[in-house]
Amino acid sequence: MTTKELINKIGEKTGMTKTQVEQLMTATTKVITSALQNDHTVQLQNFGTLEPKERRSRQVTNPKTGAKSVTRAKRIVSFRANNKLKAIVK
């Protein structure tokens, strides 16, 4: 589903205009992004949990050449689906 399709569906279900839904989605995205940047976990009830995590550096091997290299440590966002979401998708 694309962003435009999502905006249309939310507008249909709520009666909001496309502009209002787009503003709501933009604000929601900014709030979630800001929370993750500040190392906060975001729990969305009946959906799942977004959590910033640190991925440590590790040694990897290029399967084609056999050359070994080290990846850099980096921050990632982990998503864990809620049990209700898992049951619906099953």
N, C-alpha and C. Protein backbone atom coordinates (compact mmCIF):
# COMPACT_ATOMS: atom_id res chain seq x y z
N MET A 1 0.85 -1.17 0.00
CA MET A 1 0.00 0.00 0.00
C MET A 1 0.90 1.24 0.00
N THR A 2 0.61 2.16 -0.88
CA THR A 2 1.40 3.39 -0.96
C THR A 2 0.86 4.42 0.02
N THR A 3 1.60 5.49 0.22
CA THR A 3 1.17 6.57 1.12
C THR A 3 -0.13 7.18 0.63
N LYS A 4 -0.25 7.39 -0.67
CA LYS A 4 -1.48 7.98 -1.23
C LYS A 4 -2.69 7.07 -0.97
N GLU A 5 -2.49 5.76 -1.15
CA GLU A 5 -3.59 4.83 -0.89
C GLU A 5 -3.97 4.84 0.58
N LEU A 6 -2.98 4.91 1.45
CA LEU A 6 -3.23 4.97 2.88
C LEU A 6 -4.00 6.24 3.25
N ILE A 7 -3.59 7.36 2.69
CA ILE A 7 -4.28 8.63 2.94
C ILE A 7 -5.73 8.54 2.49
N ASN A 8 -5.97 7.97 1.32
CA ASN A 8 -7.34 7.83 0.83
C ASN A 8 -8.18 6.95 1.73
N LYS A 9 -7.65 5.82 2.17
CA LYS A 9 -8.38 4.89 3.05
C LYS A 9 -8.71 5.54 4.38
N ILE A 10 -7.73 6.23 4.99
CA ILE A 10 -7.98 6.88 6.27
C ILE A 10 -9.03 7.98 6.10
N GLY A 11 -8.95 8.72 5.01
CA GLY A 11 -9.94 9.76 4.74
C GLY A 11 -11.34 9.19 4.62
N GLU A 12 -11.47 8.06 3.93
CA GLU A 12 -12.77 7.41 3.79
C GLU A 12 -13.33 6.95 5.12
N LYS A 13 -12.46 6.36 5.95
CA LYS A 13 -12.91 5.81 7.24
C LYS A 13 -13.24 6.89 8.26
N THR A 14 -12.53 8.04 8.21
CA THR A 14 -12.70 9.07 9.23
C THR A 14 -13.53 10.26 8.78
N GLY A 15 -13.68 10.41 7.48
CA GLY A 15 -14.39 11.58 6.97
C GLY A 15 -13.50 12.82 6.90
N MET A 16 -12.22 12.67 7.16
CA MET A 16 -11.29 13.78 7.08
C MET A 16 -10.92 14.03 5.62
N THR A 17 -10.50 15.25 5.32
CA THR A 17 -10.04 15.55 3.97
C THR A 17 -8.65 14.96 3.78
N LYS A 18 -8.25 14.82 2.53
CA LYS A 18 -6.91 14.29 2.23
C LYS A 18 -5.83 15.17 2.84
N THR A 19 -6.04 16.48 2.81
CA THR A 19 -5.07 17.42 3.37
C THR A 19 -4.93 17.21 4.88
N GLN A 20 -6.05 17.04 5.56
CA GLN A 20 -6.02 16.82 7.01
C GLN A 20 -5.31 15.51 7.35
N VAL A 21 -5.60 14.46 6.59
CA VAL A 21 -4.96 13.16 6.83
C VAL A 21 -3.46 13.26 6.57
N GLU A 22 -3.09 13.95 5.49
CA GLU A 22 -1.68 14.11 5.17
C GLU A 22 -0.94 14.87 6.27
N GLN A 23 -1.57 15.92 6.81
CA GLN A 23 -0.96 16.67 7.91
C GLN A 23 -0.83 15.80 9.16
N LEU A 24 -1.85 15.00 9.43
CA LEU A 24 -1.82 14.09 10.58
C LEU A 24 -0.70 13.06 10.43
N MET A 25 -0.57 12.49 9.24
CA MET A 25 0.48 11.50 9.00
C MET A 25 1.87 12.13 9.11
N THR A 26 2.03 13.33 8.60
CA THR A 26 3.31 14.02 8.68
C THR A 26 3.68 14.29 10.14
N ALA A 27 2.72 14.77 10.91
CA ALA A 27 2.96 15.05 12.33
C ALA A 27 3.28 13.77 13.09
N THR A 28 2.54 12.70 12.81
CA THR A 28 2.77 11.41 13.48
C THR A 28 4.17 10.89 13.17
N THR A 29 4.55 10.96 11.91
CA THR A 29 5.88 10.50 11.50
C THR A 29 6.98 11.31 12.18
N LYS A 30 6.80 12.61 12.27
CA LYS A 30 7.80 13.47 12.92
C LYS A 30 7.93 13.14 14.40
N VAL A 31 6.80 12.92 15.07
CA VAL A 31 6.82 12.60 16.51
C VAL A 31 7.51 11.26 16.75
N ILE A 32 7.17 10.25 15.94
CA ILE A 32 7.78 8.93 16.10
C ILE A 32 9.27 9.00 15.81
N THR A 33 9.65 9.68 14.73
CA THR A 33 11.06 9.82 14.36
C THR A 33 11.85 10.52 15.47
N SER A 34 11.28 11.59 16.00
CA SER A 34 11.94 12.33 17.07
C SER A 34 12.14 11.46 18.31
N ALA A 35 11.12 10.69 18.66
CA ALA A 35 11.22 9.81 19.83
C ALA A 35 12.32 8.77 19.63
N LEU A 36 12.39 8.18 18.43
CA LEU A 36 13.41 7.18 18.15
C LEU A 36 14.81 7.79 18.16
N GLN A 37 14.94 9.02 17.64
CA GLN A 37 16.23 9.71 17.65
C GLN A 37 16.70 9.97 19.07
N ASN A 38 15.74 10.19 19.98
CA ASN A 38 16.08 10.47 21.37
C ASN A 38 16.12 9.19 22.21
N ASP A 39 16.24 8.04 21.53
CA ASP A 39 16.42 6.74 22.17
C ASP A 39 15.21 6.30 23.00
N HIS A 40 14.00 6.67 22.55
CA HIS A 40 12.78 6.25 23.22
C HIS A 40 12.10 5.16 22.41
N THR A 41 11.47 4.23 23.10
CA THR A 41 10.70 3.18 22.47
C THR A 41 9.30 3.70 22.19
N VAL A 42 8.74 3.36 21.04
CA VAL A 42 7.39 3.79 20.66
C VAL A 42 6.50 2.56 20.60
N GLN A 43 5.47 2.52 21.48
CA GLN A 43 4.54 1.40 21.51
C GLN A 43 3.21 1.86 20.95
N LEU A 44 2.78 1.20 19.88
CA LEU A 44 1.50 1.49 19.27
C LEU A 44 0.56 0.34 19.60
N GLN A 45 -0.43 0.62 20.44
CA GLN A 45 -1.31 -0.42 20.94
C GLN A 45 -2.01 -1.14 19.80
N ASN A 46 -2.10 -2.44 19.91
CA ASN A 46 -2.71 -3.34 18.92
C ASN A 46 -1.98 -3.33 17.58
N PHE A 47 -0.76 -2.80 17.54
CA PHE A 47 0.02 -2.79 16.31
C PHE A 47 1.41 -3.36 16.54
N GLY A 48 2.22 -2.66 17.35
CA GLY A 48 3.57 -3.16 17.60
C GLY A 48 4.43 -2.13 18.30
N THR A 49 5.71 -2.46 18.42
CA THR A 49 6.68 -1.63 19.12
C THR A 49 7.86 -1.32 18.22
N LEU A 50 8.21 -0.04 18.15
CA LEU A 50 9.41 0.41 17.44
C LEU A 50 10.44 0.74 18.49
N GLU A 51 11.64 0.19 18.34
CA GLU A 51 12.67 0.39 19.35
C GLU A 51 14.02 0.63 18.69
N PRO A 52 14.70 1.72 19.10
CA PRO A 52 16.05 1.95 18.57
C PRO A 52 17.03 0.98 19.23
N LYS A 53 17.90 0.41 18.42
CA LYS A 53 18.90 -0.53 18.95
C LYS A 53 20.25 -0.24 18.34
N GLU A 54 21.27 -0.69 19.02
CA GLU A 54 22.65 -0.54 18.55
C GLU A 54 23.08 -1.87 17.94
N ARG A 55 23.51 -1.84 16.69
CA ARG A 55 24.05 -3.04 16.05
C ARG A 55 25.57 -2.93 16.11
N ARG A 56 26.21 -3.86 16.77
CA ARG A 56 27.66 -3.79 16.93
C ARG A 56 28.38 -4.16 15.63
N SER A 57 29.63 -3.77 15.55
CA SER A 57 30.41 -4.11 14.36
C SER A 57 30.70 -5.61 14.38
N ARG A 58 30.89 -6.17 13.19
CA ARG A 58 31.17 -7.60 13.11
C ARG A 58 32.00 -7.89 11.87
N GLN A 59 32.65 -9.03 11.88
CA GLN A 59 33.48 -9.42 10.75
C GLN A 59 32.62 -10.20 9.76
N VAL A 60 32.72 -9.85 8.48
CA VAL A 60 31.95 -10.51 7.43
C VAL A 60 32.90 -10.99 6.34
N THR A 61 32.43 -11.95 5.55
CA THR A 61 33.22 -12.48 4.45
C THR A 61 32.45 -12.31 3.16
N ASN A 62 33.11 -11.77 2.15
CA ASN A 62 32.52 -11.65 0.83
C ASN A 62 32.48 -13.05 0.22
N PRO A 63 31.30 -13.59 -0.07
CA PRO A 63 31.23 -14.96 -0.56
C PRO A 63 31.86 -15.15 -1.94
N LYS A 64 31.92 -14.10 -2.71
CA LYS A 64 32.47 -14.20 -4.07
C LYS A 64 33.99 -14.25 -4.05
N THR A 65 34.61 -13.36 -3.23
CA THR A 65 36.08 -13.27 -3.23
C THR A 65 36.72 -13.92 -2.01
N GLY A 66 35.94 -14.13 -0.97
CA GLY A 66 36.50 -14.68 0.25
C GLY A 66 37.19 -13.63 1.11
N ALA A 67 37.17 -12.37 0.65
CA ALA A 67 37.81 -11.29 1.41
C ALA A 67 37.04 -11.00 2.68
N LYS A 68 37.77 -10.79 3.76
CA LYS A 68 37.15 -10.48 5.05
C LYS A 68 37.20 -8.98 5.26
N SER A 69 36.11 -8.47 5.86
CA SER A 69 36.06 -7.05 6.21
C SER A 69 35.23 -6.90 7.48
N VAL A 70 35.26 -5.71 8.03
CA VAL A 70 34.53 -5.44 9.27
C VAL A 70 33.47 -4.39 8.98
N THR A 71 32.22 -4.69 9.40
CA THR A 71 31.15 -3.71 9.25
C THR A 71 31.21 -2.74 10.42
N ARG A 72 30.72 -1.54 10.19
CA ARG A 72 30.70 -0.53 11.26
C ARG A 72 29.53 -0.77 12.19
N ALA A 73 29.68 -0.35 13.42
CA ALA A 73 28.56 -0.36 14.36
C ALA A 73 27.59 0.72 13.92
N LYS A 74 26.29 0.46 14.08
CA LYS A 74 25.31 1.46 13.70
C LYS A 74 24.03 1.28 14.49
N ARG A 75 23.21 2.33 14.45
CA ARG A 75 21.92 2.30 15.13
C ARG A 75 20.85 1.88 14.12
N ILE A 76 19.95 1.02 14.56
CA ILE A 76 18.86 0.56 13.72
C ILE A 76 17.54 0.70 14.47
N VAL A 77 16.44 0.56 13.76
CA VAL A 77 15.12 0.54 14.39
C VAL A 77 14.57 -0.87 14.27
N SER A 78 14.18 -1.42 15.39
CA SER A 78 13.63 -2.77 15.44
C SER A 78 12.11 -2.67 15.59
N PHE A 79 11.37 -3.51 14.87
CA PHE A 79 9.91 -3.54 14.99
C PHE A 79 9.48 -4.91 15.46
N ARG A 80 8.68 -4.94 16.51
CA ARG A 80 8.09 -6.18 17.00
C ARG A 80 6.58 -6.05 16.90
N ALA A 81 5.95 -6.92 16.16
CA ALA A 81 4.50 -6.88 15.99
C ALA A 81 3.81 -7.32 17.28
N ASN A 82 2.70 -6.69 17.59
CA ASN A 82 1.87 -7.03 18.73
C ASN A 82 1.18 -8.37 18.46
N ASN A 83 0.83 -9.11 19.51
CA ASN A 83 0.18 -10.40 19.35
C ASN A 83 -1.12 -10.31 18.57
N LYS A 84 -1.88 -9.22 18.77
CA LYS A 84 -3.15 -9.07 18.04
C LYS A 84 -2.87 -8.90 16.54
N LEU A 85 -1.84 -8.14 16.19
CA LEU A 85 -1.49 -7.96 14.79
C LEU A 85 -1.02 -9.29 14.19
N LYS A 86 -0.22 -10.04 14.94
CA LYS A 86 0.24 -11.34 14.47
C LYS A 86 -0.93 -12.28 14.20
N ALA A 87 -1.92 -12.25 15.09
CA ALA A 87 -3.09 -13.13 14.93
C ALA A 87 -3.91 -12.73 13.71
N ILE A 88 -4.01 -11.43 13.43
CA ILE A 88 -4.79 -10.97 12.28
C ILE A 88 -4.10 -11.37 10.98
N VAL A 89 -2.78 -11.25 10.94
CA VAL A 89 -2.03 -11.53 9.73
C VAL A 89 -1.94 -13.02 9.44
N LYS A 90 -2.01 -13.83 10.48
CA LYS A 90 -1.89 -15.29 10.33
C LYS A 90 -2.79 -15.76 9.29
